[in-house]
């Protein structure tokens, strides 16, 4: 009798396991799919391209020692090194505060 009861319990455990396994597989596939979608969106902002990318001809501008409120002028070249439209909104006048 004990052997028959043990076999019945084992059979019930197998049936429960076979009911749970498909849900586990589906959950894993969903997580992998979401991960691939998120990674794909982070890797390339535009499908098949790199998007807009700002490139400047130099990293720093050294204006030396100047008195405050003395006007200065600096030029540099800005280039779109990407494959999509680069939109810039730049103020016409830059204001500096003493001590910056």
N, C-alpha and C. Protein backbone atom coordinates (compact mmCIF):
# COMPACT_ATOMS: atom_id res chain seq x y z
N UNK A 1 0.80 -1.19 0.00
CA UNK A 1 0.00 0.00 0.00
C UNK A 1 0.85 1.26 0.00
N UNK A 2 1.88 1.29 0.79
CA UNK A 2 2.75 2.46 0.88
C UNK A 2 3.42 2.73 -0.46
N UNK A 3 3.77 1.68 -1.17
CA UNK A 3 4.41 1.83 -2.49
C UNK A 3 3.44 2.48 -3.48
N UNK A 4 2.19 2.07 -3.46
CA UNK A 4 1.17 2.62 -4.37
C UNK A 4 0.95 4.10 -4.06
N UNK A 5 0.92 4.47 -2.79
CA UNK A 5 0.73 5.87 -2.38
C UNK A 5 1.91 6.73 -2.82
N UNK A 6 3.12 6.17 -2.67
CA UNK A 6 4.32 6.90 -3.09
C UNK A 6 4.32 7.14 -4.60
N UNK A 7 3.94 6.13 -5.37
CA UNK A 7 3.87 6.27 -6.84
C UNK A 7 2.81 7.31 -7.23
N UNK A 8 1.69 7.31 -6.54
CA UNK A 8 0.64 8.29 -6.83
C UNK A 8 1.12 9.71 -6.55
N UNK A 9 1.83 9.91 -5.46
CA UNK A 9 2.38 11.22 -5.13
C UNK A 9 3.42 11.66 -6.16
N UNK A 10 4.26 10.73 -6.59
CA UNK A 10 5.25 11.05 -7.62
C UNK A 10 4.57 11.44 -8.92
N UNK A 11 3.52 10.72 -9.28
CA UNK A 11 2.79 11.03 -10.50
C UNK A 11 2.15 12.42 -10.41
N UNK A 12 1.58 12.75 -9.24
CA UNK A 12 0.99 14.08 -9.05
C UNK A 12 2.05 15.18 -9.15
N UNK A 13 3.23 14.93 -8.61
CA UNK A 13 4.32 15.90 -8.69
C UNK A 13 4.75 16.11 -10.14
N UNK A 14 4.83 15.03 -10.91
CA UNK A 14 5.20 15.15 -12.33
C UNK A 14 4.15 15.95 -13.10
N UNK A 15 2.87 15.69 -12.82
CA UNK A 15 1.80 16.42 -13.50
C UNK A 15 1.86 17.91 -13.17
N UNK A 16 2.10 18.25 -11.91
CA UNK A 16 2.23 19.66 -11.52
C UNK A 16 3.41 20.31 -12.22
N UNK A 17 4.52 19.57 -12.28
CA UNK A 17 5.72 20.09 -12.92
C UNK A 17 5.48 20.36 -14.40
N UNK A 18 4.79 19.44 -15.08
CA UNK A 18 4.52 19.62 -16.50
C UNK A 18 3.54 20.76 -16.75
N UNK A 19 2.75 21.12 -15.76
CA UNK A 19 1.86 22.27 -15.90
C UNK A 19 2.61 23.58 -15.70
N UNK A 20 3.65 23.58 -14.88
CA UNK A 20 4.39 24.79 -14.54
C UNK A 20 5.49 25.09 -15.56
N UNK A 21 6.11 24.09 -16.14
CA UNK A 21 7.24 24.27 -17.05
C UNK A 21 6.90 25.20 -18.22
N UNK A 22 5.78 25.04 -18.92
CA UNK A 22 5.50 25.95 -20.04
C UNK A 22 5.44 27.43 -19.62
N UNK A 23 4.87 27.70 -18.44
CA UNK A 23 4.81 29.08 -17.97
C UNK A 23 6.21 29.62 -17.67
N UNK A 24 7.07 28.79 -17.14
CA UNK A 24 8.46 29.19 -16.88
C UNK A 24 9.20 29.50 -18.17
N UNK A 25 9.02 28.65 -19.17
CA UNK A 25 9.68 28.87 -20.47
C UNK A 25 9.16 30.15 -21.10
N UNK A 26 7.85 30.37 -21.06
CA UNK A 26 7.28 31.59 -21.63
C UNK A 26 7.81 32.82 -20.90
N UNK A 27 7.90 32.77 -19.59
CA UNK A 27 8.41 33.90 -18.82
C UNK A 27 9.86 34.20 -19.19
N UNK A 28 10.68 33.17 -19.35
CA UNK A 28 12.08 33.38 -19.73
C UNK A 28 12.17 33.99 -21.11
N UNK A 29 11.38 33.49 -22.06
CA UNK A 29 11.39 34.04 -23.42
C UNK A 29 10.94 35.50 -23.44
N UNK A 30 9.94 35.84 -22.65
CA UNK A 30 9.48 37.23 -22.58
C UNK A 30 10.58 38.12 -22.02
N UNK A 31 11.25 37.69 -20.96
CA UNK A 31 12.33 38.49 -20.38
C UNK A 31 13.48 38.68 -21.36
N UNK A 32 13.85 37.63 -22.08
CA UNK A 32 14.92 37.74 -23.07
C UNK A 32 14.50 38.69 -24.19
N UNK A 33 13.25 38.59 -24.64
CA UNK A 33 12.76 39.48 -25.69
C UNK A 33 12.77 40.94 -25.27
N UNK A 34 12.30 41.21 -24.06
CA UNK A 34 12.30 42.59 -23.55
C UNK A 34 13.74 43.09 -23.42
N UNK A 35 14.63 42.24 -22.94
CA UNK A 35 16.03 42.64 -22.83
C UNK A 35 16.63 42.98 -24.18
N UNK A 36 16.34 42.20 -25.20
CA UNK A 36 16.86 42.48 -26.54
C UNK A 36 16.29 43.78 -27.10
N UNK A 37 15.03 44.02 -26.85
CA UNK A 37 14.41 45.26 -27.33
C UNK A 37 15.05 46.47 -26.66
N UNK A 38 15.23 46.41 -25.35
CA UNK A 38 15.84 47.52 -24.62
C UNK A 38 17.27 47.73 -25.08
N UNK A 39 18.04 46.66 -25.21
CA UNK A 39 19.43 46.78 -25.67
C UNK A 39 19.50 47.34 -27.09
N UNK A 40 18.61 46.89 -27.94
CA UNK A 40 18.59 47.39 -29.32
C UNK A 40 18.28 48.86 -29.40
N UNK A 41 17.39 49.34 -28.55
CA UNK A 41 17.05 50.77 -28.54
C UNK A 41 18.18 51.61 -27.98
N UNK A 42 18.94 51.08 -27.03
CA UNK A 42 20.06 51.83 -26.47
C UNK A 42 21.24 51.85 -27.43
N UNK A 43 21.46 50.77 -28.16
CA UNK A 43 22.62 50.67 -29.03
C UNK A 43 22.50 51.58 -30.24
N UNK A 44 21.32 51.75 -30.78
CA UNK A 44 21.14 52.56 -31.99
C UNK A 44 19.87 53.37 -31.88
N UNK A 45 19.99 54.70 -31.75
CA UNK A 45 18.80 55.51 -31.61
C UNK A 45 17.91 55.51 -32.85
N UNK A 46 18.49 55.26 -34.00
CA UNK A 46 17.75 55.23 -35.25
C UNK A 46 18.08 53.91 -35.92
N UNK A 47 17.07 53.18 -36.34
CA UNK A 47 17.29 51.87 -36.93
C UNK A 47 18.23 51.98 -38.12
N UNK A 48 19.32 51.24 -38.06
CA UNK A 48 20.27 51.20 -39.17
C UNK A 48 21.24 52.36 -39.20
N UNK A 49 21.26 53.23 -38.22
CA UNK A 49 22.15 54.38 -38.25
C UNK A 49 22.65 54.76 -36.87
N UNK A 50 23.45 55.83 -36.84
CA UNK A 50 24.00 56.27 -35.56
C UNK A 50 23.30 57.52 -35.05
N UNK A 51 22.47 58.15 -35.87
CA UNK A 51 21.76 59.35 -35.45
C UNK A 51 22.66 60.58 -35.54
N UNK A 52 22.18 61.73 -35.04
CA UNK A 52 23.00 62.93 -35.07
C UNK A 52 24.14 62.82 -34.06
N UNK A 53 25.30 63.38 -34.43
CA UNK A 53 26.45 63.35 -33.51
C UNK A 53 27.26 64.63 -33.71
N UNK A 54 27.40 65.40 -32.63
CA UNK A 54 28.12 66.67 -32.67
C UNK A 54 29.62 66.42 -32.59
N UNK A 55 30.36 67.08 -33.47
CA UNK A 55 31.82 66.99 -33.45
C UNK A 55 32.38 68.41 -33.47
N UNK A 56 33.29 68.72 -32.53
CA UNK A 56 33.89 70.04 -32.41
C UNK A 56 35.38 69.91 -32.66
N UNK A 57 35.99 70.93 -33.32
CA UNK A 57 37.40 70.81 -33.73
C UNK A 57 38.39 70.88 -32.56
N UNK A 58 37.96 71.35 -31.39
CA UNK A 58 38.87 71.36 -30.23
C UNK A 58 38.07 71.20 -28.95
N UNK A 59 38.77 70.74 -27.92
CA UNK A 59 38.12 70.47 -26.63
C UNK A 59 38.14 71.67 -25.70
N UNK A 60 39.15 72.55 -25.82
CA UNK A 60 39.30 73.67 -24.91
C UNK A 60 39.63 74.94 -25.68
N UNK A 61 39.29 76.07 -25.06
CA UNK A 61 39.68 77.38 -25.59
C UNK A 61 40.36 78.12 -24.45
N UNK A 62 41.65 78.46 -24.62
CA UNK A 62 42.39 79.19 -23.59
C UNK A 62 42.45 80.65 -24.00
N UNK A 63 41.78 81.50 -23.24
CA UNK A 63 41.75 82.93 -23.54
C UNK A 63 42.78 83.70 -22.71
N UNK A 64 43.57 83.00 -21.93
CA UNK A 64 44.59 83.66 -21.12
C UNK A 64 43.97 84.42 -19.96
N UNK A 65 44.74 85.30 -19.38
CA UNK A 65 44.27 86.11 -18.25
C UNK A 65 43.66 87.39 -18.79
N UNK A 66 42.43 87.65 -18.42
CA UNK A 66 41.71 88.84 -18.89
C UNK A 66 41.04 89.52 -17.72
N UNK A 67 40.79 90.81 -17.88
CA UNK A 67 40.00 91.54 -16.89
C UNK A 67 38.55 91.15 -17.09
N UNK A 68 37.83 91.16 -15.97
CA UNK A 68 36.41 90.87 -16.05
C UNK A 68 35.70 91.99 -16.80
N UNK A 69 34.68 91.68 -17.52
CA UNK A 69 33.91 92.60 -18.36
C UNK A 69 34.65 93.01 -19.62
N UNK A 70 35.80 92.43 -19.92
CA UNK A 70 36.50 92.70 -21.18
C UNK A 70 35.98 91.71 -22.22
N UNK A 71 35.47 92.21 -23.35
CA UNK A 71 34.93 91.29 -24.36
C UNK A 71 36.03 90.42 -24.98
N UNK A 72 35.69 89.20 -25.25
CA UNK A 72 36.60 88.27 -25.92
C UNK A 72 35.84 87.58 -27.04
N UNK A 73 36.59 87.03 -27.99
CA UNK A 73 35.97 86.33 -29.11
C UNK A 73 36.74 85.03 -29.33
N UNK A 74 36.01 83.97 -29.53
CA UNK A 74 36.62 82.67 -29.81
C UNK A 74 35.80 82.01 -30.92
N UNK A 75 36.49 81.31 -31.79
CA UNK A 75 35.81 80.60 -32.87
C UNK A 75 36.21 79.13 -32.84
N UNK A 76 35.31 78.31 -33.25
CA UNK A 76 35.57 76.88 -33.39
C UNK A 76 34.59 76.33 -34.41
N UNK A 77 34.94 75.20 -34.97
CA UNK A 77 34.10 74.59 -36.00
C UNK A 77 33.27 73.47 -35.39
N UNK A 78 31.98 73.48 -35.74
CA UNK A 78 31.05 72.46 -35.28
C UNK A 78 30.59 71.67 -36.50
N UNK A 79 30.55 70.35 -36.36
CA UNK A 79 30.22 69.51 -37.50
C UNK A 79 29.28 68.38 -37.05
N UNK A 80 28.35 68.02 -37.91
CA UNK A 80 27.48 66.87 -37.65
C UNK A 80 28.16 65.64 -38.24
N UNK A 81 28.71 64.78 -37.40
CA UNK A 81 29.41 63.59 -37.85
C UNK A 81 28.46 62.39 -37.93
N UNK A 82 27.19 62.59 -37.67
CA UNK A 82 26.22 61.50 -37.70
C UNK A 82 25.52 61.42 -39.04
N UNK A 83 24.47 60.60 -39.08
CA UNK A 83 23.75 60.41 -40.34
C UNK A 83 22.30 60.90 -40.26
N UNK A 84 22.01 61.77 -39.29
CA UNK A 84 20.67 62.34 -39.18
C UNK A 84 20.81 63.83 -38.87
N UNK A 85 19.73 64.57 -38.95
CA UNK A 85 19.75 66.01 -38.75
C UNK A 85 20.12 66.36 -37.32
N UNK A 86 21.07 67.28 -37.18
CA UNK A 86 21.50 67.77 -35.87
C UNK A 86 20.91 69.15 -35.68
N UNK A 87 20.09 69.33 -34.66
CA UNK A 87 19.47 70.62 -34.38
C UNK A 87 20.16 71.27 -33.20
N UNK A 88 20.62 72.50 -33.39
CA UNK A 88 21.28 73.24 -32.33
C UNK A 88 20.47 74.48 -32.00
N UNK A 89 20.38 74.80 -30.73
CA UNK A 89 19.80 76.08 -30.33
C UNK A 89 20.83 76.73 -29.42
N UNK A 90 21.49 77.76 -29.94
CA UNK A 90 22.59 78.41 -29.24
C UNK A 90 22.22 79.87 -29.01
N UNK A 91 22.40 80.37 -27.80
CA UNK A 91 22.15 81.80 -27.58
C UNK A 91 23.18 82.63 -28.33
N UNK A 92 22.80 83.85 -28.73
CA UNK A 92 23.72 84.72 -29.47
C UNK A 92 24.82 85.27 -28.61
N UNK A 93 24.58 85.41 -27.32
CA UNK A 93 25.55 86.00 -26.43
C UNK A 93 25.75 85.09 -25.22
N UNK A 94 26.99 84.83 -24.88
CA UNK A 94 27.30 84.03 -23.72
C UNK A 94 27.69 84.97 -22.60
N UNK A 95 27.13 84.76 -21.42
CA UNK A 95 27.43 85.60 -20.27
C UNK A 95 28.26 84.82 -19.27
N UNK A 96 29.36 85.41 -18.83
CA UNK A 96 30.22 84.76 -17.82
C UNK A 96 30.07 85.53 -16.51
N UNK A 97 30.16 84.78 -15.44
CA UNK A 97 30.09 85.38 -14.11
C UNK A 97 31.49 85.35 -13.52
N UNK A 98 31.87 86.39 -12.82
CA UNK A 98 33.21 86.48 -12.25
C UNK A 98 33.48 85.29 -11.33
N UNK A 99 34.64 84.70 -11.49
CA UNK A 99 35.03 83.56 -10.67
C UNK A 99 34.80 82.23 -11.35
N UNK A 100 34.23 82.22 -12.52
CA UNK A 100 33.97 80.97 -13.24
C UNK A 100 35.21 80.50 -13.98
